[in-house]
Amino acid sequence: MTLSSTLGPVRTTVPRITSAPNVTSTYSSLLKTVRDAGLLRRTRGYYVAVMAALTVALAGCVTGFILLGDTWYQLLIAGALGIILTQFAFLAHEASHRQVLESGPANDKLGRFLAAGVVGISYAWWMTKHTRHHGNPNQVGKDPDIEKDTISFQEKDAAERTGFLALITRKQGYLFFPLLTLEGLNLHGRSLQTLFAKGKVEGRFIELGLITFRMLAYIAVIFWALPLGMAFAFIGVQMAVFGVYMGASFAPNHKGMPQIAEGVKLDFLRKQVLTSRNIKGGAGMNIFMGGLNFQIEHHLFPNMPRPHLAAARAIVKEHCRDQDILYTETTLTRSYAIVIDYLNRVGLSARDPFDCPAAQRFRRR
């Protein structure tokens, strides 16, 4: 395997996997070890407890909203609601991976209700996008999570930016977290775009009904109970907290990790491990990130319940050490620093060629 730091005239900001090693995959033996340890068994009691805790927390927010009345302290309720909805989104994500219940249809029903009915985003859109990501993480041309968006994740995309977008892209690392305040709007917008698009969409009308009812009820209650300006502020804070929390939980997992060049085929084990990053922090981090802190194990065993990921980590880490496969984990703050630096380096491709000090003398006076 070749990890190169340069590709042509443009500097690559992360190692690029440009060829596959001629090795025999040992994933089947790793999977057998994990299965024999009972780590793929469902943990219904755990998820019942999590669901109950989140339901109580949501009820607490509603109670606080009613009791506080017309006061700017309502923005604290809005922030708490953004956090709780993100936690519900984590549960919907786990249901989509068949981690919660035994049967696939039951998980889909739960996931669709949580995503569309509680969080307000399309389960069908998420399933399509996230399935593509899991199949080809950080693979150029295949992973939707590194495709061109407001943020550029590849130099070639950054280099195509012009005007105001180019200005943002040059400092996109520093702007990443501020831009996440708009991610909630982006997720809701993408969901509706998918549900109104042509072609087959699984559960289209169920999701449209759930999302529409939730949205109308939510907006009606907020604007009925609060003055106009405070109502807008409440929704703005809730959406901002939701967007930042979602983005801050998913971003550390792959951003800044090696990207697989287009057309390169790696064995499943190396493809998932080499492109993923774990976050240290124990049980508290597991709750905060909804199990996404064990990203390597999650990608290797997508249907593994959250409570078993920590035990799987020890098995996977030892296996990777025996197979000489790089296993990456770091702290949350360090991962954010890596992501910011990586995005800023990619953003340099959007610079004006005359930004180079050596070229300043060629500017017209």
Protein backbone atom coordinates (compact mmCIF):
# COMPACT_ATOMS: atom_id res chain seq x y z
CA MET A 1 0.00 0.00 0.00
CA THR A 2 1.24 3.46 -0.82
CA LEU A 3 0.44 6.43 1.40
CA SER A 4 1.52 9.46 -0.54
CA SER A 5 1.57 13.05 0.65
CA THR A 6 1.81 14.55 -2.82
CA LEU A 7 -0.38 14.12 -5.88
CA GLY A 8 0.70 16.13 -8.88
CA PRO A 9 1.28 19.86 -8.46
CA VAL A 10 -1.22 20.26 -5.63
CA ARG A 11 -0.16 19.32 -2.14
CA THR A 12 -2.34 16.63 -0.56
CA THR A 13 -3.27 17.46 3.00
CA VAL A 14 -3.76 13.90 4.22
CA PRO A 15 -2.12 10.61 3.23
CA ARG A 16 -3.71 9.20 0.10
CA ILE A 17 -4.05 5.42 -0.28
CA THR A 18 -3.17 4.88 -3.91
CA SER A 19 -2.72 1.10 -4.09
CA ALA A 20 -3.94 -2.00 -2.28
CA PRO A 21 -1.61 -4.46 -0.53
CA ASN A 22 -1.53 -8.02 -1.77
CA VAL A 23 -2.72 -9.61 1.47
CA THR A 24 -5.37 -12.06 2.62
CA SER A 25 -8.07 -10.40 4.68
CA THR A 26 -8.37 -11.62 8.26
CA TYR A 27 -11.73 -9.99 8.89
CA SER A 28 -13.62 -13.31 9.01
CA SER A 29 -11.46 -14.55 11.90
CA LEU A 30 -11.90 -11.22 13.72
CA LEU A 31 -15.66 -11.41 13.21
CA LYS A 32 -15.73 -14.94 14.61
CA THR A 33 -13.85 -13.83 17.73
CA VAL A 34 -16.26 -10.97 18.29
CA ARG A 35 -19.32 -13.13 17.69
CA ASP A 36 -18.04 -15.88 20.00
CA ALA A 37 -17.59 -13.25 22.71
CA GLY A 38 -21.30 -12.45 22.46
CA LEU A 39 -20.71 -8.85 21.39
CA LEU A 40 -23.29 -8.92 18.59
CA ARG A 41 -26.17 -9.88 20.90
CA ARG A 42 -28.90 -7.25 21.37
CA THR A 43 -29.03 -5.25 24.61
CA ARG A 44 -32.71 -4.38 24.76
CA GLY A 45 -32.59 -3.32 28.41
CA TYR A 46 -29.93 -0.72 27.68
CA TYR A 47 -31.90 0.86 24.85
CA VAL A 48 -35.13 0.83 26.87
CA ALA A 49 -33.27 2.72 29.60
CA VAL A 50 -31.83 5.24 27.12
CA MET A 51 -35.21 5.78 25.48
CA ALA A 52 -36.86 6.25 28.87
CA ALA A 53 -34.19 8.72 30.01
CA LEU A 54 -34.54 10.78 26.82
CA THR A 55 -38.33 10.74 27.05
CA VAL A 56 -38.15 12.02 30.63
CA ALA A 57 -35.65 14.70 29.55
CA LEU A 58 -37.95 15.77 26.70
CA ALA A 59 -40.89 15.91 29.08
CA GLY A 60 -38.76 18.03 31.42
CA CYS A 61 -38.08 20.48 28.58
CA VAL A 62 -41.80 20.74 27.82
CA THR A 63 -42.56 21.30 31.51
CA GLY A 64 -39.84 23.93 31.80
CA PHE A 65 -41.15 25.65 28.67
CA ILE A 66 -44.65 25.87 30.16
CA LEU A 67 -43.50 27.04 33.59
CA LEU A 68 -41.04 29.69 32.38
CA GLY A 69 -43.52 31.49 30.14
CA ASP A 70 -42.54 34.79 28.51
CA THR A 71 -38.86 35.08 29.48
CA TRP A 72 -35.53 34.95 27.69
CA TYR A 73 -34.59 32.02 29.95
CA GLN A 74 -36.54 30.03 27.37
CA LEU A 75 -33.35 30.01 25.31
CA LEU A 76 -31.88 27.62 27.89
CA ILE A 77 -34.78 25.27 27.16
CA ALA A 78 -34.07 25.70 23.43
CA GLY A 79 -30.43 24.70 23.92
CA ALA A 80 -31.40 21.69 26.02
CA LEU A 81 -33.93 20.66 23.37
CA GLY A 82 -31.21 20.78 20.70
CA ILE A 83 -29.08 18.39 22.78
CA ILE A 84 -31.97 16.00 23.46
CA LEU A 85 -33.00 15.87 19.79
CA THR A 86 -29.41 15.03 18.85
CA GLN A 87 -29.48 12.16 21.33
CA PHE A 88 -32.70 10.92 19.71
CA ALA A 89 -30.91 11.18 16.35
CA PHE A 90 -28.18 8.90 17.73
CA LEU A 91 -30.85 6.33 18.58
CA ALA A 92 -32.34 6.60 15.07
CA HIS A 93 -28.84 6.06 13.68
CA GLU A 94 -28.44 2.93 15.80
CA ALA A 95 -31.83 1.61 14.73
CA SER A 96 -30.82 2.11 11.08
CA HIS A 97 -27.88 -0.21 11.74
CA ARG A 98 -30.11 -2.89 13.34
CA GLN A 99 -28.43 -2.35 16.72
CA VAL A 100 -31.55 -1.88 18.83
CA LEU A 101 -34.14 -4.55 18.01
CA GLU A 102 -33.89 -8.08 16.60
CA SER A 103 -35.67 -7.69 13.27
CA GLY A 104 -34.86 -5.33 10.42
CA PRO A 105 -38.45 -4.11 9.88
CA ALA A 106 -38.86 -3.36 13.59
CA ASN A 107 -35.65 -1.34 13.61
CA ASP A 108 -36.79 0.56 10.51
CA LYS A 109 -40.13 1.43 12.09
CA LEU A 110 -38.42 2.67 15.24
CA GLY A 111 -35.76 4.56 13.30
CA ARG A 112 -38.32 6.18 10.99
CA PHE A 113 -40.47 7.33 13.92
CA LEU A 114 -37.48 8.74 15.83
CA ALA A 115 -35.90 10.42 12.79
CA ALA A 116 -38.99 11.86 11.11
CA GLY A 117 -41.45 12.10 13.98
CA VAL A 118 -39.16 13.26 16.78
CA VAL A 119 -36.04 14.80 15.20
CA GLY A 120 -37.70 15.97 11.98
CA ILE A 121 -35.30 14.57 9.38
CA SER A 122 -35.88 11.92 6.72
CA TYR A 123 -34.96 8.36 7.66
CA ALA A 124 -34.93 7.34 3.98
CA TRP A 125 -32.49 10.12 3.07
CA TRP A 126 -30.25 9.21 5.99
CA MET A 127 -30.29 5.49 5.14
CA THR A 128 -29.31 6.09 1.51
CA LYS A 129 -26.52 8.52 2.32
CA HIS A 130 -25.15 6.68 5.34
CA THR A 131 -25.18 3.26 3.65
CA ARG A 132 -23.03 4.65 0.84
CA HIS A 133 -20.64 6.11 3.41
CA HIS A 134 -20.27 2.84 5.33
CA GLY A 135 -19.61 0.90 2.15
CA ASN A 136 -16.82 3.22 1.01
CA PRO A 137 -15.58 5.49 3.83
CA ASN A 138 -13.28 8.28 2.59
CA GLN A 139 -13.22 6.74 -0.91
CA VAL A 140 -12.92 9.46 -3.53
CA GLY A 141 -15.91 9.35 -5.87
CA LYS A 142 -17.97 7.03 -3.65
CA ASP A 143 -18.27 8.45 -0.13
CA PRO A 144 -20.97 11.19 -0.05
CA ASP A 145 -19.45 12.58 3.15
CA ILE A 146 -16.43 13.94 1.26
CA GLU A 147 -18.33 15.24 -1.75
CA LYS A 148 -18.41 18.97 -2.48
CA ASP A 149 -20.65 20.97 -0.16
CA THR A 150 -20.33 24.33 1.58
CA ILE A 151 -17.17 22.79 3.03
CA SER A 152 -14.62 21.31 0.59
CA PHE A 153 -12.97 18.06 1.66
CA GLN A 154 -10.71 17.65 -1.38
CA GLU A 155 -8.25 20.06 -2.96
CA LYS A 156 -9.75 19.71 -6.44
CA ASP A 157 -13.12 20.85 -5.11
CA ALA A 158 -11.60 23.74 -3.18
CA ALA A 159 -9.68 24.87 -6.27
CA GLU A 160 -12.95 25.23 -8.21
CA ARG A 161 -14.37 27.72 -5.72
CA THR A 162 -14.84 31.29 -6.88
CA GLY A 163 -16.10 34.52 -5.39
CA PHE A 164 -17.56 34.50 -1.89
CA LEU A 165 -17.41 30.69 -1.58
CA ALA A 166 -13.68 30.78 -2.29
CA LEU A 167 -13.26 33.34 0.48
CA ILE A 168 -15.03 31.02 2.92
CA THR A 169 -13.11 27.97 1.71
CA ARG A 170 -9.71 29.57 2.36
CA LYS A 171 -10.51 29.74 6.09
CA GLN A 172 -13.01 26.89 6.21
CA GLY A 173 -11.25 25.16 9.11
CA TYR A 174 -11.72 28.16 11.39
CA LEU A 175 -15.25 28.64 10.05
CA PHE A 176 -16.22 24.97 10.41
CA PHE A 177 -17.88 25.17 13.83
CA PRO A 178 -19.62 28.52 13.16
CA LEU A 179 -20.99 27.04 9.92
CA LEU A 180 -22.33 24.06 11.85
CA THR A 181 -24.88 26.39 13.43
CA LEU A 182 -26.62 26.16 10.03
CA GLU A 183 -26.27 22.38 9.74
CA GLY A 184 -29.67 21.81 11.36
CA LEU A 185 -31.33 23.78 8.57
CA ASN A 186 -29.26 21.88 6.02
CA LEU A 187 -30.34 18.48 7.40
CA HIS A 188 -34.01 19.43 7.39
CA GLY A 189 -33.70 20.91 3.91
CA ARG A 190 -31.93 17.87 2.46
CA SER A 191 -34.60 15.65 3.98
CA LEU A 192 -37.46 17.52 2.33
CA GLN A 193 -35.57 17.68 -0.95
CA THR A 194 -35.26 13.88 -0.92
CA LEU A 195 -38.90 13.29 -0.01
CA PHE A 196 -40.15 15.56 -2.80
CA ALA A 197 -37.72 14.21 -5.40
CA LYS A 198 -38.73 11.91 -8.24
CA GLY A 199 -38.09 8.20 -8.02
CA LYS A 200 -38.77 5.61 -5.35
CA VAL A 201 -38.37 6.71 -1.73
CA GLU A 202 -39.09 4.11 0.93
CA GLY A 203 -41.77 5.35 3.33
CA ARG A 204 -42.10 8.67 1.52
CA PHE A 205 -45.66 9.54 2.59
CA ILE A 206 -45.25 8.25 6.14
CA GLU A 207 -42.20 10.45 6.60
CA LEU A 208 -43.83 13.46 4.95
CA GLY A 209 -46.78 13.07 7.30
CA LEU A 210 -44.60 12.72 10.39
CA ILE A 211 -42.29 15.60 9.48
CA THR A 212 -45.16 17.91 8.49
CA PHE A 213 -47.15 17.21 11.66
CA ARG A 214 -44.06 17.66 13.85
CA MET A 215 -43.03 20.88 12.13
CA LEU A 216 -46.47 22.49 12.23
CA ALA A 217 -47.08 21.49 15.85
CA TYR A 218 -43.65 22.68 16.95
CA ILE A 219 -43.87 26.04 15.19
CA ALA A 220 -47.48 26.61 16.29
CA VAL A 221 -46.69 26.02 19.97
CA ILE A 222 -43.56 28.20 19.93
CA PHE A 223 -45.23 31.16 18.22
CA TRP A 224 -48.42 30.82 20.31
CA ALA A 225 -46.56 30.76 23.63
CA LEU A 226 -43.79 33.31 22.99
CA PRO A 227 -43.53 36.84 21.55
CA LEU A 228 -42.50 36.97 17.90
CA GLY A 229 -38.82 37.86 18.42
CA MET A 230 -38.38 35.39 21.26
CA ALA A 231 -40.05 32.65 19.22
CA PHE A 232 -37.60 33.16 16.34
CA ALA A 233 -34.71 33.22 18.82
CA PHE A 234 -35.92 29.98 20.45
CA ILE A 235 -36.04 28.12 17.12
CA GLY A 236 -32.71 29.63 16.08
CA VAL A 237 -30.92 28.52 19.26
CA GLN A 238 -32.45 25.04 19.15
CA MET A 239 -31.45 24.53 15.51
CA ALA A 240 -27.96 25.95 16.08
CA VAL A 241 -27.27 23.68 19.07
CA PHE A 242 -28.65 20.69 17.18
CA GLY A 243 -26.46 21.42 14.14
CA VAL A 244 -23.27 22.00 16.13
CA TYR A 245 -23.80 18.91 18.29
CA MET A 246 -24.52 16.68 15.27
CA GLY A 247 -21.55 17.99 13.32
CA ALA A 248 -19.20 17.92 16.30
CA SER A 249 -20.11 14.25 16.89
CA PHE A 250 -19.68 13.00 13.32
CA ALA A 251 -16.77 15.17 12.12
CA PRO A 252 -13.96 13.68 14.29
CA ASN A 253 -14.50 10.18 12.92
CA HIS A 254 -13.07 10.44 9.39
CA LYS A 255 -12.10 14.02 8.58
CA GLY A 256 -8.33 14.28 8.23
CA MET A 257 -7.91 10.51 7.94
CA PRO A 258 -6.41 8.90 4.80
CA GLN A 259 -8.57 9.06 1.70
CA ILE A 260 -8.70 6.12 -0.70
CA ALA A 261 -7.93 7.13 -4.27
CA GLU A 262 -10.60 6.57 -6.88
CA GLY A 263 -10.56 3.03 -8.26
CA VAL A 264 -8.41 1.54 -5.46
CA LYS A 265 -9.90 -1.57 -3.85
CA LEU A 266 -8.91 -2.42 -0.30
CA ASP A 267 -9.98 -5.43 1.73
CA PHE A 268 -12.86 -4.66 4.11
CA LEU A 269 -10.76 -4.70 7.29
CA ARG A 270 -8.14 -2.21 6.10
CA LYS A 271 -10.67 -0.01 4.32
CA GLN A 272 -12.63 0.50 7.52
CA VAL A 273 -9.75 0.76 10.00
CA LEU A 274 -7.37 2.97 8.04
CA THR A 275 -10.00 5.61 7.30
CA SER A 276 -11.54 5.80 10.79
CA ARG A 277 -10.53 7.42 14.05
CA ASN A 278 -11.60 6.54 17.60
CA ILE A 279 -12.09 9.12 20.35
CA LYS A 280 -10.85 8.41 23.86
CA GLY A 281 -12.94 9.23 26.90
CA GLY A 282 -14.66 6.22 28.45
CA ALA A 283 -18.34 5.85 29.33
CA GLY A 284 -19.00 9.59 29.41
CA MET A 285 -17.73 10.01 25.86
CA ASN A 286 -19.79 7.01 24.77
CA ILE A 287 -22.94 8.77 25.96
CA PHE A 288 -21.91 12.18 24.59
CA MET A 289 -21.15 10.83 21.10
CA GLY A 290 -23.79 8.12 20.96
CA GLY A 291 -21.20 5.39 20.43
CA LEU A 292 -19.56 7.23 17.52
CA ASN A 293 -16.41 7.52 19.60
CA PHE A 294 -15.79 3.83 18.75
CA GLN A 295 -15.89 4.60 15.04
CA ILE A 296 -13.50 1.82 14.01
CA GLU A 297 -15.54 -0.87 15.75
CA HIS A 298 -18.79 0.67 14.51
CA HIS A 299 -17.58 0.47 10.92
CA LEU A 300 -16.30 -3.09 11.29
CA PHE A 301 -19.48 -4.29 13.03
CA PRO A 302 -22.27 -1.83 12.13
CA ASN A 303 -24.97 -3.84 13.91
CA MET A 304 -23.09 -4.08 17.21
CA PRO A 305 -25.04 -2.49 20.10
CA ARG A 306 -23.45 0.53 21.70
CA PRO A 307 -22.72 -1.11 25.10
CA HIS A 308 -20.48 -3.75 23.46
CA LEU A 309 -18.24 -1.40 21.47
CA ALA A 310 -15.77 -0.82 24.30
CA ALA A 311 -15.14 -4.57 24.71
CA ALA A 312 -14.79 -4.97 20.95
CA ARG A 313 -12.19 -2.20 20.90
CA ALA A 314 -9.69 -4.32 22.89
CA ILE A 315 -10.14 -7.25 20.49
CA VAL A 316 -9.86 -5.13 17.35
CA LYS A 317 -6.86 -3.20 18.62
CA GLU A 318 -4.94 -6.38 19.37
CA HIS A 319 -5.88 -7.87 16.00
CA CYS A 320 -4.71 -4.75 14.16
CA ARG A 321 -1.43 -4.81 16.07
CA ASP A 322 -0.87 -8.46 15.06
CA GLN A 323 -1.67 -7.64 11.42
CA ASP A 324 0.42 -4.44 11.39
CA ILE A 325 -2.62 -2.28 10.57
CA LEU A 326 -2.55 1.30 11.84
CA TYR A 327 -5.22 1.79 14.53
CA THR A 328 -5.91 5.47 15.24
CA GLU A 329 -7.42 6.99 18.36
CA THR A 330 -7.02 10.36 20.03
CA THR A 331 -8.77 12.80 22.36
CA LEU A 332 -11.81 14.81 21.31
CA THR A 333 -10.02 18.16 21.48
CA ARG A 334 -7.07 16.81 19.51
CA SER A 335 -9.43 15.43 16.87
CA TYR A 336 -11.04 18.86 16.46
CA ALA A 337 -7.60 20.43 16.04
CA ILE A 338 -6.79 17.85 13.35
CA VAL A 339 -10.07 18.53 11.54
CA ILE A 340 -9.58 22.31 11.61
CA ASP A 341 -5.99 22.02 10.35
CA TYR A 342 -7.01 19.57 7.62
CA LEU A 343 -9.85 21.77 6.37
CA ASN A 344 -7.63 24.85 6.34
CA ARG A 345 -4.98 22.99 4.35
CA VAL A 346 -7.59 21.86 1.81
CA GLY A 347 -8.89 25.42 1.71
CA LEU A 348 -5.52 26.71 0.53
CA SER A 349 -6.39 25.33 -2.90
CA ALA A 350 -9.04 28.05 -3.17
CA ARG A 351 -6.50 30.83 -2.72
CA ASP A 352 -5.89 33.55 -5.27
CA PRO A 353 -2.58 32.73 -7.00
CA PHE A 354 -1.51 36.32 -6.31
CA ASP A 355 -1.85 35.66 -2.55
CA CYS A 356 1.61 34.15 -2.80
CA PRO A 357 4.09 36.73 -1.45
CA ALA A 358 6.56 35.92 -4.22
CA ALA A 359 3.91 36.78 -6.80
CA GLN A 360 2.86 40.08 -5.25
CA ARG A 361 5.30 42.00 -7.41
CA PHE A 362 3.37 40.91 -10.52
CA ARG A 363 0.18 42.64 -9.37
CA ARG A 364 -0.84 45.64 -11.35
CA ARG A 365 -0.15 48.89 -9.56
